[in-house]
Amino acid sequence: MGTLIPLVVLVIVFLLIAVRKIGNVNFRIWQVMLLGAAAVLATGSIAPLDALASINLDVMLFLFFMFVIGGGTRVERLPPPPLLSLLLTGGGRPGIWSFSSSSAQASSRRS
């Protein structure tokens, strides 16, 4: 019974994220996740201190800044910042995202 409640909450959260609307009520992803977290905390499936200890600060900071960059470019209709473009394209160097050295060598031979 101890693992049934979190499993049911997980399925409900996934379904609400997929559907995002029930009748006239629209759900945002953060609202669904917050309700799911509150449900497992309220039922005692996870202790509040365990929930706090499981938060990875590196991931939270990464997601925060990615949403800031993405939201800023969408609202202002600007292209991504130059540094982000360089990171995504590899600065124009061939073979930077290749997974084997043979493809990098092949692309450098073509140049």
PDB file of N, CA and C in Angstrom:
ATOM      1  N   MET A   1       0.817  -1.203   0.000  1.00  0.00           N
ATOM      2  CA  MET A   1       0.000   0.000   0.000  1.00  0.00           C
ATOM      3  C   MET A   1       0.857   1.261   0.000  1.00  0.00           C
ATOM      4  N   GLY A   2       2.073   1.153   0.560  1.00  0.00           N
ATOM      5  CA  GLY A   2       2.948   2.311   0.675  1.00  0.00           C
ATOM      6  C   GLY A   2       3.399   2.865  -0.664  1.00  0.00           C
ATOM      7  N   THR A   3       3.540   2.001  -1.667  1.00  0.00           N
ATOM      8  CA  THR A   3       3.985   2.481  -2.983  1.00  0.00           C
ATOM      9  C   THR A   3       2.815   2.728  -3.926  1.00  0.00           C
ATOM     10  N   LEU A   4       1.620   2.387  -3.524  1.00  0.00           N
ATOM     11  CA  LEU A   4       0.460   2.562  -4.398  1.00  0.00           C
ATOM     12  C   LEU A   4       0.084   4.041  -4.555  1.00  0.00           C
ATOM     13  N   ILE A   5       0.099   4.788  -3.467  1.00  0.00           N
ATOM     14  CA  ILE A   5      -0.295   6.203  -3.530  1.00  0.00           C
ATOM     15  C   ILE A   5       0.635   7.010  -4.437  1.00  0.00           C
ATOM     16  N   PRO A   6       1.967   6.917  -4.271  1.00  0.00           N
ATOM     17  CA  PRO A   6       2.821   7.685  -5.187  1.00  0.00           C
ATOM     18  C   PRO A   6       2.666   7.252  -6.643  1.00  0.00           C
ATOM     19  N   LEU A   7       2.416   5.975  -6.868  1.00  0.00           N
ATOM     20  CA  LEU A   7       2.225   5.482  -8.233  1.00  0.00           C
ATOM     21  C   LEU A   7       0.950   6.057  -8.851  1.00  0.00           C
ATOM     22  N   VAL A   8      -0.114   6.097  -8.084  1.00  0.00           N
ATOM     23  CA  VAL A   8      -1.383   6.668  -8.566  1.00  0.00           C
ATOM     24  C   VAL A   8      -1.218   8.166  -8.828  1.00  0.00           C
ATOM     25  N   VAL A   9      -0.534   8.866  -7.917  1.00  0.00           N
ATOM     26  CA  VAL A   9      -0.294  10.299  -8.107  1.00  0.00           C
ATOM     27  C   VAL A   9       0.533  10.527  -9.369  1.00  0.00           C
ATOM     28  N   LEU A  10       1.552   9.708  -9.595  1.00  0.00           N
ATOM     29  CA  LEU A  10       2.392   9.834 -10.783  1.00  0.00           C
ATOM     30  C   LEU A  10       1.577   9.664 -12.063  1.00  0.00           C
ATOM     31  N   VAL A  11       0.719   8.659 -12.099  1.00  0.00           N
ATOM     32  CA  VAL A  11      -0.112   8.423 -13.286  1.00  0.00           C
ATOM     33  C   VAL A  11      -1.064   9.604 -13.512  1.00  0.00           C
ATOM     34  N   ILE A  12      -1.655  10.106 -12.444  1.00  0.00           N
ATOM     35  CA  ILE A  12      -2.570  11.251 -12.574  1.00  0.00           C
ATOM     36  C   ILE A  12      -1.817  12.486 -13.077  1.00  0.00           C
ATOM     37  N   VAL A  13      -0.612  12.716 -12.537  1.00  0.00           N
ATOM     38  CA  VAL A  13       0.191  13.866 -12.976  1.00  0.00           C
ATOM     39  C   VAL A  13       0.532  13.739 -14.454  1.00  0.00           C
ATOM     40  N   PHE A  14       0.970  12.551 -14.885  1.00  0.00           N
ATOM     41  CA  PHE A  14       1.288  12.353 -16.304  1.00  0.00           C
ATOM     42  C   PHE A  14       0.066  12.587 -17.185  1.00  0.00           C
ATOM     43  N   LEU A  15      -1.077  12.069 -16.773  1.00  0.00           N
ATOM     44  CA  LEU A  15      -2.295  12.248 -17.560  1.00  0.00           C
ATOM     45  C   LEU A  15      -2.707  13.721 -17.641  1.00  0.00           C
ATOM     46  N   LEU A  16      -2.630  14.429 -16.508  1.00  0.00           N
ATOM     47  CA  LEU A  16      -3.002  15.848 -16.523  1.00  0.00           C
ATOM     48  C   LEU A  16      -2.031  16.682 -17.349  1.00  0.00           C
ATOM     49  N   ILE A  17      -0.758  16.317 -17.332  1.00  0.00           N
ATOM     50  CA  ILE A  17       0.211  17.040 -18.169  1.00  0.00           C
ATOM     51  C   ILE A  17      -0.087  16.783 -19.643  1.00  0.00           C
ATOM     52  N   ALA A  18      -0.463  15.555 -19.970  1.00  0.00           N
ATOM     53  CA  ALA A  18      -0.753  15.215 -21.366  1.00  0.00           C
ATOM     54  C   ALA A  18      -2.040  15.877 -21.844  1.00  0.00           C
ATOM     55  N   VAL A  19      -3.066  15.874 -21.002  1.00  0.00           N
ATOM     56  CA  VAL A  19      -4.376  16.400 -21.403  1.00  0.00           C
ATOM     57  C   VAL A  19      -4.419  17.920 -21.279  1.00  0.00           C
ATOM     58  N   ARG A  20      -3.975  18.449 -20.156  1.00  0.00           N
ATOM     59  CA  ARG A  20      -3.912  19.878 -19.829  1.00  0.00           C
ATOM     60  C   ARG A  20      -5.257  20.584 -19.753  1.00  0.00           C
ATOM     61  N   LYS A  21      -6.336  19.868 -19.974  1.00  0.00           N
ATOM     62  CA  LYS A  21      -7.644  20.509 -19.871  1.00  0.00           C
ATOM     63  C   LYS A  21      -8.684  19.458 -19.503  1.00  0.00           C
ATOM     64  N   ILE A  22      -9.485  19.791 -18.485  1.00  0.00           N
ATOM     65  CA  ILE A  22     -10.608  18.938 -18.106  1.00  0.00           C
ATOM     66  C   ILE A  22     -11.822  19.849 -18.021  1.00  0.00           C
ATOM     67  N   GLY A  23     -12.763  19.645 -18.919  1.00  0.00           N
ATOM     68  CA  GLY A  23     -13.926  20.528 -18.999  1.00  0.00           C
ATOM     69  C   GLY A  23     -13.490  21.929 -19.377  1.00  0.00           C
ATOM     70  N   ASN A  24     -13.856  22.891 -18.542  1.00  0.00           N
ATOM     71  CA  ASN A  24     -13.470  24.282 -18.797  1.00  0.00           C
ATOM     72  C   ASN A  24     -12.204  24.679 -18.033  1.00  0.00           C
ATOM     73  N   VAL A  25     -11.615  23.733 -17.313  1.00  0.00           N
ATOM     74  CA  VAL A  25     -10.448  24.040 -16.477  1.00  0.00           C
ATOM     75  C   VAL A  25      -9.167  23.711 -17.242  1.00  0.00           C
ATOM     76  N   ASN A  26      -8.336  24.725 -17.436  1.00  0.00           N
ATOM     77  CA  ASN A  26      -7.029  24.534 -18.068  1.00  0.00           C
ATOM     78  C   ASN A  26      -5.980  24.369 -16.984  1.00  0.00           C
ATOM     79  N   PHE A  27      -5.092  23.413 -17.163  1.00  0.00           N
ATOM     80  CA  PHE A  27      -4.012  23.173 -16.217  1.00  0.00           C
ATOM     81  C   PHE A  27      -2.688  23.531 -16.855  1.00  0.00           C
ATOM     82  N   ARG A  28      -1.850  24.218 -16.105  1.00  0.00           N
ATOM     83  CA  ARG A  28      -0.475  24.459 -16.530  1.00  0.00           C
ATOM     84  C   ARG A  28       0.388  23.374 -15.903  1.00  0.00           C
ATOM     85  N   ILE A  29       1.510  23.110 -16.549  1.00  0.00           N
ATOM     86  CA  ILE A  29       2.367  22.021 -16.088  1.00  0.00           C
ATOM     87  C   ILE A  29       2.815  22.246 -14.653  1.00  0.00           C
ATOM     88  N   TRP A  30       3.195  23.462 -14.311  1.00  0.00           N
ATOM     89  CA  TRP A  30       3.687  23.713 -12.959  1.00  0.00           C
ATOM     90  C   TRP A  30       2.591  23.508 -11.918  1.00  0.00           C
ATOM     91  N   GLN A  31       1.335  23.795 -12.286  1.00  0.00           N
ATOM     92  CA  GLN A  31       0.226  23.590 -11.358  1.00  0.00           C
ATOM     93  C   GLN A  31       0.020  22.099 -11.088  1.00  0.00           C
ATOM     94  N   VAL A  32       0.097  21.302 -12.141  1.00  0.00           N
ATOM     95  CA  VAL A  32      -0.082  19.859 -12.000  1.00  0.00           C
ATOM     96  C   VAL A  32       1.035  19.273 -11.146  1.00  0.00           C
ATOM     97  N   MET A  33       2.266  19.700 -11.402  1.00  0.00           N
ATOM     98  CA  MET A  33       3.395  19.182 -10.628  1.00  0.00           C
ATOM     99  C   MET A  33       3.309  19.603  -9.167  1.00  0.00           C
ATOM    100  N   LEU A  34       2.884  20.840  -8.928  1.00  0.00           N
ATOM    101  CA  LEU A  34       2.727  21.312  -7.561  1.00  0.00           C
ATOM    102  C   LEU A  34       1.647  20.522  -6.823  1.00  0.00           C
ATOM    103  N   LEU A  35       0.537  20.256  -7.496  1.00  0.00           N
ATOM    104  CA  LEU A  35      -0.522  19.447  -6.880  1.00  0.00           C
ATOM    105  C   LEU A  35      -0.049  18.027  -6.590  1.00  0.00           C
ATOM    106  N   GLY A  36       0.724  17.450  -7.517  1.00  0.00           N
ATOM    107  CA  GLY A  36       1.268  16.108  -7.287  1.00  0.00           C
ATOM    108  C   GLY A  36       2.218  16.073  -6.116  1.00  0.00           C
ATOM    109  N   ALA A  37       3.094  17.077  -6.023  1.00  0.00           N
ATOM    110  CA  ALA A  37       4.030  17.146  -4.898  1.00  0.00           C
ATOM    111  C   ALA A  37       3.283  17.328  -3.584  1.00  0.00           C
ATOM    112  N   ALA A  38       2.283  18.198  -3.595  1.00  0.00           N
ATOM    113  CA  ALA A  38       1.492  18.412  -2.378  1.00  0.00           C
ATOM    114  C   ALA A  38       0.745  17.141  -1.976  1.00  0.00           C
ATOM    115  N   ALA A  39       0.284  16.380  -2.963  1.00  0.00           N
ATOM    116  CA  ALA A  39      -0.449  15.143  -2.661  1.00  0.00           C
ATOM    117  C   ALA A  39       0.441  14.110  -1.986  1.00  0.00           C
ATOM    118  N   VAL A  40       1.664  13.915  -2.492  1.00  0.00           N
ATOM    119  CA  VAL A  40       2.535  12.905  -1.857  1.00  0.00           C
ATOM    120  C   VAL A  40       3.033  13.385  -0.499  1.00  0.00           C
ATOM    121  N   LEU A  41       3.174  14.713  -0.325  1.00  0.00           N
ATOM    122  CA  LEU A  41       3.544  15.228   0.992  1.00  0.00           C
ATOM    123  C   LEU A  41       2.382  15.101   1.971  1.00  0.00           C
ATOM    124  N   ALA A  42       1.173  15.412   1.524  1.00  0.00           N
ATOM    125  CA  ALA A  42      -0.001  15.356   2.403  1.00  0.00           C
ATOM    126  C   ALA A  42      -0.341  13.932   2.831  1.00  0.00           C
ATOM    127  N   THR A  43      -0.101  12.969   1.952  1.00  0.00           N
ATOM    128  CA  THR A  43      -0.403  11.576   2.301  1.00  0.00           C
ATOM    129  C   THR A  43       0.715  10.919   3.095  1.00  0.00           C
ATOM    130  N   GLY A  44       1.845  11.612   3.250  1.00  0.00           N
ATOM    131  CA  GLY A  44       2.955  11.048   4.008  1.00  0.00           C
ATOM    132  C   GLY A  44       3.782  10.056   3.224  1.00  0.00           C
ATOM    133  N   SER A  45       3.614  10.030   1.913  1.00  0.00           N
ATOM    134  CA  SER A  45       4.394   9.115   1.077  1.00  0.00           C
ATOM    135  C   SER A  45       5.870   9.488   1.075  1.00  0.00           C
ATOM    136  N   ILE A  46       6.152  10.769   1.251  1.00  0.00           N
ATOM    137  CA  ILE A  46       7.526  11.236   1.369  1.00  0.00           C
ATOM    138  C   ILE A  46       7.561  12.286   2.473  1.00  0.00           C
ATOM    139  N   ALA A  47       8.595  12.229   3.282  1.00  0.00           N
ATOM    140  CA  ALA A  47       8.741  13.191   4.372  1.00  0.00           C
ATOM    141  C   ALA A  47       9.221  14.528   3.807  1.00  0.00           C
ATOM    142  N   PRO A  48       8.779  15.624   4.407  1.00  0.00           N
ATOM    143  CA  PRO A  48       9.202  16.939   3.902  1.00  0.00           C
ATOM    144  C   PRO A  48      10.724  17.113   3.863  1.00  0.00           C
ATOM    145  N   LEU A  49      11.433  16.622   4.870  1.00  0.00           N
ATOM    146  CA  LEU A  49      12.894  16.749   4.863  1.00  0.00           C
ATOM    147  C   LEU A  49      13.520  15.914   3.758  1.00  0.00           C
ATOM    148  N   ASP A  50      12.950  14.741   3.491  1.00  0.00           N
ATOM    149  CA  ASP A  50      13.442  13.925   2.379  1.00  0.00           C
ATOM    150  C   ASP A  50      13.185  14.613   1.037  1.00  0.00           C
ATOM    151  N   ALA A  51      12.043  15.272   0.927  1.00  0.00           N
ATOM    152  CA  ALA A  51      11.727  15.998  -0.307  1.00  0.00           C
ATOM    153  C   ALA A  51      12.712  17.145  -0.522  1.00  0.00           C
ATOM    154  N   LEU A  52      13.017  17.883   0.529  1.00  0.00           N
ATOM    155  CA  LEU A  52      13.987  18.968   0.408  1.00  0.00           C
ATOM    156  C   LEU A  52      15.381  18.445   0.086  1.00  0.00           C
ATOM    157  N   ALA A  53      15.750  17.327   0.685  1.00  0.00           N
ATOM    158  CA  ALA A  53      17.079  16.759   0.451  1.00  0.00           C
ATOM    159  C   ALA A  53      17.228  16.229  -0.970  1.00  0.00           C
ATOM    160  N   SER A  54      16.128  15.913  -1.620  1.00  0.00           N
ATOM    161  CA  SER A  54      16.210  15.344  -2.971  1.00  0.00           C
ATOM    162  C   SER A  54      16.299  16.406  -4.065  1.00  0.00           C
ATOM    163  N   ILE A  55      16.204  17.677  -3.719  1.00  0.00           N
ATOM    164  CA  ILE A  55      16.295  18.745  -4.710  1.00  0.00           C
ATOM    165  C   ILE A  55      17.754  18.929  -5.118  1.00  0.00           C
ATOM    166  N   ASN A  56      18.007  18.854  -6.414  1.00  0.00           N
ATOM    167  CA  ASN A  56      19.353  19.035  -6.949  1.00  0.00           C
ATOM    168  C   ASN A  56      19.492  20.492  -7.387  1.00  0.00           C
ATOM    169  N   LEU A  57      20.306  21.253  -6.672  1.00  0.00           N
ATOM    170  CA  LEU A  57      20.444  22.684  -6.939  1.00  0.00           C
ATOM    171  C   LEU A  57      21.015  22.957  -8.330  1.00  0.00           C
ATOM    172  N   ASP A  58      21.948  22.126  -8.788  1.00  0.00           N
ATOM    173  CA  ASP A  58      22.514  22.327 -10.127  1.00  0.00           C
ATOM    174  C   ASP A  58      21.440  22.231 -11.206  1.00  0.00           C
ATOM    175  N   VAL A  59      20.570  21.241 -11.088  1.00  0.00           N
ATOM    176  CA  VAL A  59      19.499  21.060 -12.075  1.00  0.00           C
ATOM    177  C   VAL A  59      18.513  22.222 -12.002  1.00  0.00           C
ATOM    178  N   MET A  60      18.180  22.659 -10.797  1.00  0.00           N
ATOM    179  CA  MET A  60      17.231  23.759 -10.649  1.00  0.00           C
ATOM    180  C   MET A  60      17.776  25.056 -11.261  1.00  0.00           C
ATOM    181  N   LEU A  61      19.062  25.334 -11.032  1.00  0.00           N
ATOM    182  CA  LEU A  61      19.670  26.531 -11.618  1.00  0.00           C
ATOM    183  C   LEU A  61      19.738  26.430 -13.136  1.00  0.00           C
ATOM    184  N   PHE A  62      20.108  25.252 -13.633  1.00  0.00           N
ATOM    185  CA  PHE A  62      20.153  25.039 -15.084  1.00  0.00           C
ATOM    186  C   PHE A  62      18.786  25.292 -15.707  1.00  0.00           C
ATOM    187  N   LEU A  63      17.743  24.692 -15.142  1.00  0.00           N
ATOM    188  CA  LEU A  63      16.399  24.865 -15.683  1.00  0.00           C
ATOM    189  C   LEU A  63      15.932  26.317 -15.585  1.00  0.00           C
ATOM    190  N   PHE A  64      16.235  26.971 -14.474  1.00  0.00           N
ATOM    191  CA  PHE A  64      15.842  28.368 -14.307  1.00  0.00           C
ATOM    192  C   PHE A  64      16.431  29.234 -15.411  1.00  0.00           C
ATOM    193  N   PHE A  65      17.738  29.112 -15.624  1.00  0.00           N
ATOM    194  CA  PHE A  65      18.374  29.962 -16.630  1.00  0.00           C
ATOM    195  C   PHE A  65      17.975  29.571 -18.050  1.00  0.00           C
ATOM    196  N   MET A  66      17.699  28.300 -18.308  1.00  0.00           N
ATOM    197  CA  MET A  66      17.213  27.918 -19.632  1.00  0.00           C
ATOM    198  C   MET A  66      15.828  28.510 -19.892  1.00  0.00           C
ATOM    199  N   PHE A  67      14.973  28.520 -18.872  1.00  0.00           N
ATOM    200  CA  PHE A  67      13.653  29.119 -19.039  1.00  0.00           C
ATOM    201  C   PHE A  67      13.756  30.638 -19.187  1.00  0.00           C
ATOM    202  N   VAL A  68      14.694  31.259 -18.495  1.00  0.00           N
ATOM    203  CA  VAL A  68      14.890  32.707 -18.638  1.00  0.00           C
ATOM    204  C   VAL A  68      15.324  33.028 -20.062  1.00  0.00           C
ATOM    205  N   ILE A  69      16.297  32.293 -20.581  1.00  0.00           N
ATOM    206  CA  ILE A  69      16.772  32.525 -21.948  1.00  0.00           C
ATOM    207  C   ILE A  69      15.657  32.246 -22.952  1.00  0.00           C
ATOM    208  N   GLY A  70      14.982  31.115 -22.794  1.00  0.00           N
ATOM    209  CA  GLY A  70      13.906  30.755 -23.719  1.00  0.00           C
ATOM    210  C   GLY A  70      12.738  31.714 -23.654  1.00  0.00           C
ATOM    211  N   GLY A  71      12.356  32.119 -22.461  1.00  0.00           N
ATOM    212  CA  GLY A  71      11.251  33.054 -22.309  1.00  0.00           C
ATOM    213  C   GLY A  71      11.588  34.424 -22.857  1.00  0.00           C
ATOM    214  N   GLY A  72      12.821  34.869 -22.636  1.00  0.00           N
ATOM    215  CA  GLY A  72      13.241  36.171 -23.142  1.00  0.00           C
ATOM    216  C   GLY A  72      13.279  36.214 -24.649  1.00  0.00           C
ATOM    217  N   THR A  73      13.746  35.153 -25.272  1.00  0.00           N
ATOM    218  CA  THR A  73      13.793  35.144 -26.732  1.00  0.00           C
ATOM    219  C   THR A  73      12.397  35.012 -27.329  1.00  0.00           C
ATOM    220  N   ARG A  74      11.495  34.330 -26.644  1.00  0.00           N
ATOM    221  CA  ARG A  74      10.139  34.170 -27.171  1.00  0.00           C
ATOM    222  C   ARG A  74       9.327  35.452 -27.021  1.00  0.00           C
ATOM    223  N   VAL A  75       9.414  36.099 -25.862  1.00  0.00           N
ATOM    224  CA  VAL A  75       8.636  37.309 -25.616  1.00  0.00           C
ATOM    225  C   VAL A  75       9.130  38.457 -26.493  1.00  0.00           C
ATOM    226  N   GLU A  76      10.431  38.615 -26.581  1.00  0.00           N
ATOM    227  CA  GLU A  76      11.000  39.717 -27.351  1.00  0.00           C
ATOM    228  C   GLU A  76      11.151  39.374 -28.829  1.00  0.00           C
ATOM    229  N   ARG A  77      10.903  38.126 -29.180  1.00  0.00           N
ATOM    230  CA  ARG A  77      11.073  37.645 -30.552  1.00  0.00           C
ATOM    231  C   ARG A  77      12.489  37.914 -31.064  1.00  0.00           C
ATOM    232  N   LEU A  78      13.439  37.687 -30.179  1.00  0.00           N
ATOM    233  CA  LEU A  78      14.841  37.878 -30.523  1.00  0.00           C
ATOM    234  C   LEU A  78      15.473  36.543 -30.854  1.00  0.00           C
ATOM    235  N   PRO A  79      16.534  36.566 -31.643  1.00  0.00           N
ATOM    236  CA  PRO A  79      17.273  35.314 -31.839  1.00  0.00           C
ATOM    237  C   PRO A  79      17.979  34.945 -30.539  1.00  0.00           C
ATOM    238  N   PRO A  80      18.377  33.693 -30.393  1.00  0.00           N
ATOM    239  CA  PRO A  80      19.087  33.314 -29.161  1.00  0.00           C
ATOM    240  C   PRO A  80      20.372  34.124 -29.021  1.00  0.00           C
ATOM    241  N   PRO A  81      20.831  34.324 -27.783  1.00  0.00           N
ATOM    242  CA  PRO A  81      22.071  35.070 -27.587  1.00  0.00           C
ATOM    243  C   PRO A  81      23.224  34.423 -28.353  1.00  0.00           C
ATOM    244  N   PRO A  82      24.203  35.227 -28.793  1.00  0.00           N
ATOM    245  CA  PRO A  82      25.313  34.691 -29.599  1.00  0.00           C
ATOM    246  C   PRO A  82      26.062  33.549 -28.925  1.00  0.00           C
ATOM    247  N   LEU A  83      26.260  33.646 -27.609  1.00  0.00           N
ATOM    248  CA  LEU A  83      26.989  32.582 -26.925  1.00  0.00           C
ATOM    249  C   LEU A  83      26.205  31.276 -26.993  1.00  0.00           C
ATOM    250  N   LEU A  84      24.894  31.347 -26.817  1.00  0.00           N
ATOM    251  CA  LEU A  84      24.072  30.152 -26.912  1.00  0.00           C
ATOM    252  C   LEU A  84      24.116  29.581 -28.324  1.00  0.00           C
ATOM    253  N   SER A  85      24.077  30.446 -29.325  1.00  0.00           N
ATOM    254  CA  SER A  85      24.166  29.976 -30.705  1.00  0.00           C
ATOM    255  C   SER A  85      25.489  29.278 -30.963  1.00  0.00           C
ATOM    256  N   LEU A  86      26.573  29.842 -30.431  1.00  0.00           N
ATOM    257  CA  LEU A  86      27.884  29.207 -30.594  1.00  0.00           C
ATOM    258  C   LEU A  86      27.927  27.843 -29.912  1.00  0.00           C
ATOM    259  N   LEU A  87      27.326  27.761 -28.728  1.00  0.00           N
ATOM    260  CA  LEU A  87      27.314  26.481 -28.024  1.00  0.00           C
ATOM    261  C   LEU A  87      26.510  25.436 -28.778  1.00  0.00           C
ATOM    262  N   LEU A  88      25.381  25.849 -29.346  1.00  0.00           N
ATOM    263  CA  LEU A  88      24.521  24.898 -30.042  1.00  0.00           C
ATOM    264  C   LEU A  88      25.086  24.470 -31.386  1.00  0.00           C
ATOM    265  N   THR A  89      25.782  25.366 -32.056  1.00  0.00           N
ATOM    266  CA  THR A  89      26.314  25.026 -33.378  1.00  0.00           C
ATOM    267  C   THR A  89      27.759  24.579 -33.334  1.00  0.00           C
ATOM    268  N   GLY A  90      28.396  24.683 -32.195  1.00  0.00           N
ATOM    269  CA  GLY A  90      29.795  24.276 -32.091  1.00  0.00           C
ATOM    270  C   GLY A  90      30.752  25.305 -32.636  1.00  0.00           C
ATOM    271  N   GLY A  91      30.311  26.528 -32.776  1.00  0.00           N
ATOM    272  CA  GLY A  91      31.186  27.585 -33.250  1.00  0.00           C
ATOM    273  C   GLY A  91      31.570  27.448 -34.711  1.00  0.00           C
ATOM    274  N   GLY A  92      30.834  26.633 -35.454  1.00  0.00           N
ATOM    275  CA  GLY A  92      31.123  26.458 -36.870  1.00  0.00           C
ATOM    276  C   GLY A  92      32.226  25.461 -37.161  1.00  0.00           C
ATOM    277  N   ARG A  93      32.794  24.858 -36.114  1.00  0.00           N
ATOM    278  CA  ARG A  93      33.860  23.878 -36.347  1.00  0.00           C
ATOM    279  C   ARG A  93      33.235  22.544 -36.738  1.00  0.00           C
ATOM    280  N   PRO A  94      33.727  21.912 -37.799  1.00  0.00           N
ATOM    281  CA  PRO A  94      33.153  20.626 -38.211  1.00  0.00           C
ATOM    282  C   PRO A  94      33.510  19.527 -37.220  1.00  0.00           C
ATOM    283  N   GLY A  95      32.559  18.659 -36.999  1.00  0.00           N
ATOM    284  CA  GLY A  95      32.811  17.470 -36.191  1.00  0.00           C
ATOM    285  C   GLY A  95      32.808  17.684 -34.697  1.00  0.00           C
ATOM    286  N   ILE A  96      32.371  18.853 -34.226  1.00  0.00           N
ATOM    287  CA  ILE A  96      32.440  19.089 -32.788  1.00  0.00           C
ATOM    288  C   ILE A  96      31.431  18.227 -32.023  1.00  0.00           C
ATOM    289  N   TRP A  97      30.300  17.919 -32.641  1.00  0.00           N
ATOM    290  CA  TRP A  97      29.296  17.107 -31.964  1.00  0.00           C
ATOM    291  C   TRP A  97      29.353  15.653 -32.398  1.00  0.00           C
ATOM    292  N   SER A  98      30.370  15.267 -33.133  1.00  0.00           N
ATOM    293  CA  SER A  98      30.447  13.884 -33.610  1.00  0.00           C
ATOM    294  C   SER A  98      30.793  12.956 -32.454  1.00  0.00           C
ATOM    295  N   PHE A  99      30.327  11.729 -32.559  1.00  0.00           N
ATOM    296  CA  PHE A  99      30.539  10.759 -31.504  1.00  0.00           C
ATOM    297  C   PHE A  99      31.719   9.847 -31.774  1.00  0.00           C
ATOM    298  N   SER A 100      32.293   9.927 -32.938  1.00  0.00           N
ATOM    299  CA  SER A 100      33.466   9.112 -33.218  1.00  0.00           C
ATOM    300  C   SER A 100      34.501   9.964 -33.918  1.00  0.00           C
ATOM    301  N   SER A 101      35.743   9.606 -33.737  1.00  0.00           N
ATOM    302  CA  SER A 101      36.807  10.398 -34.339  1.00  0.00           C
ATOM    303  C   SER A 101      36.862  10.204 -35.852  1.00  0.00           C
ATOM    304  N   SER A 102      36.328   9.077 -36.357  1.00  0.00           N
ATOM    305  CA  SER A 102      36.370   8.840 -37.797  1.00  0.00           C
ATOM    306  C   SER A 102      35.504   9.839 -38.558  1.00  0.00           C
ATOM    307  N   SER A 103      34.354  10.212 -38.004  1.00  0.00           N
ATOM    308  CA  SER A 103      33.509  11.182 -38.688  1.00  0.00           C
ATOM    309  C   SER A 103      34.139  12.567 -38.648  1.00  0.00           C
ATOM    310  N   ALA A 104      34.827  12.903 -37.571  1.00  0.00           N
ATOM    311  CA  ALA A 104      35.511  14.195 -37.491  1.00  0.00           C
ATOM    312  C   ALA A 104      36.658  14.240 -38.482  1.00  0.00           C
ATOM    313  N   GLN A 105      37.380  13.133 -38.616  1.00  0.00           N
ATOM    314  CA  GLN A 105      38.479  13.093 -39.587  1.00  0.00           C
ATOM    315  C   GLN A 105      37.953  13.157 -41.010  1.00  0.00           C
ATOM    316  N   ALA A 106      36.829  12.496 -41.265  1.00  0.00           N
ATOM    317  CA  ALA A 106      36.251  12.514 -42.600  1.00  0.00           C
ATOM    318  C   ALA A 106      35.784  13.916 -42.966  1.00  0.00           C
ATOM    319  N   SER A 107      35.195  14.639 -42.009  1.00  0.00           N
ATOM    320  CA  SER A 107      34.735  15.978 -42.321  1.00  0.00           C
ATOM    321  C   SER A 107      35.892  16.946 -42.488  1.00  0.00           C
ATOM    322  N   SER A 108      37.013  16.704 -41.787  1.00  0.00           N
ATOM    323  CA  SER A 108      38.158  17.594 -41.946  1.00  0.00           C
ATOM    324  C   SER A 108      38.876  17.319 -43.269  1.00  0.00           C
ATOM    325  N   ARG A 109      38.804  16.088 -43.786  1.00  0.00           N
ATOM    326  CA  ARG A 109      39.425  15.779 -45.070  1.00  0.00           C
ATOM    327  C   ARG A 109      38.680  16.444 -46.207  1.00  0.00           C
ATOM    328  N   ARG A 110      37.350  16.594 -46.058  1.00  0.00           N
ATOM    329  CA  ARG A 110      36.543  17.217 -47.109  1.00  0.00           C
ATOM    330  C   ARG A 110      36.825  18.701 -47.213  1.00  0.00           C
ATOM    331  N   SER A 111      37.284  19.327 -46.151  1.00  0.00           N
ATOM    332  CA  SER A 111      37.497  20.783 -46.134  1.00  0.00           C
ATOM    333  C   SER A 111      38.689  21.181 -46.968  1.00  0.00           C
TER     334      SER A 111
END
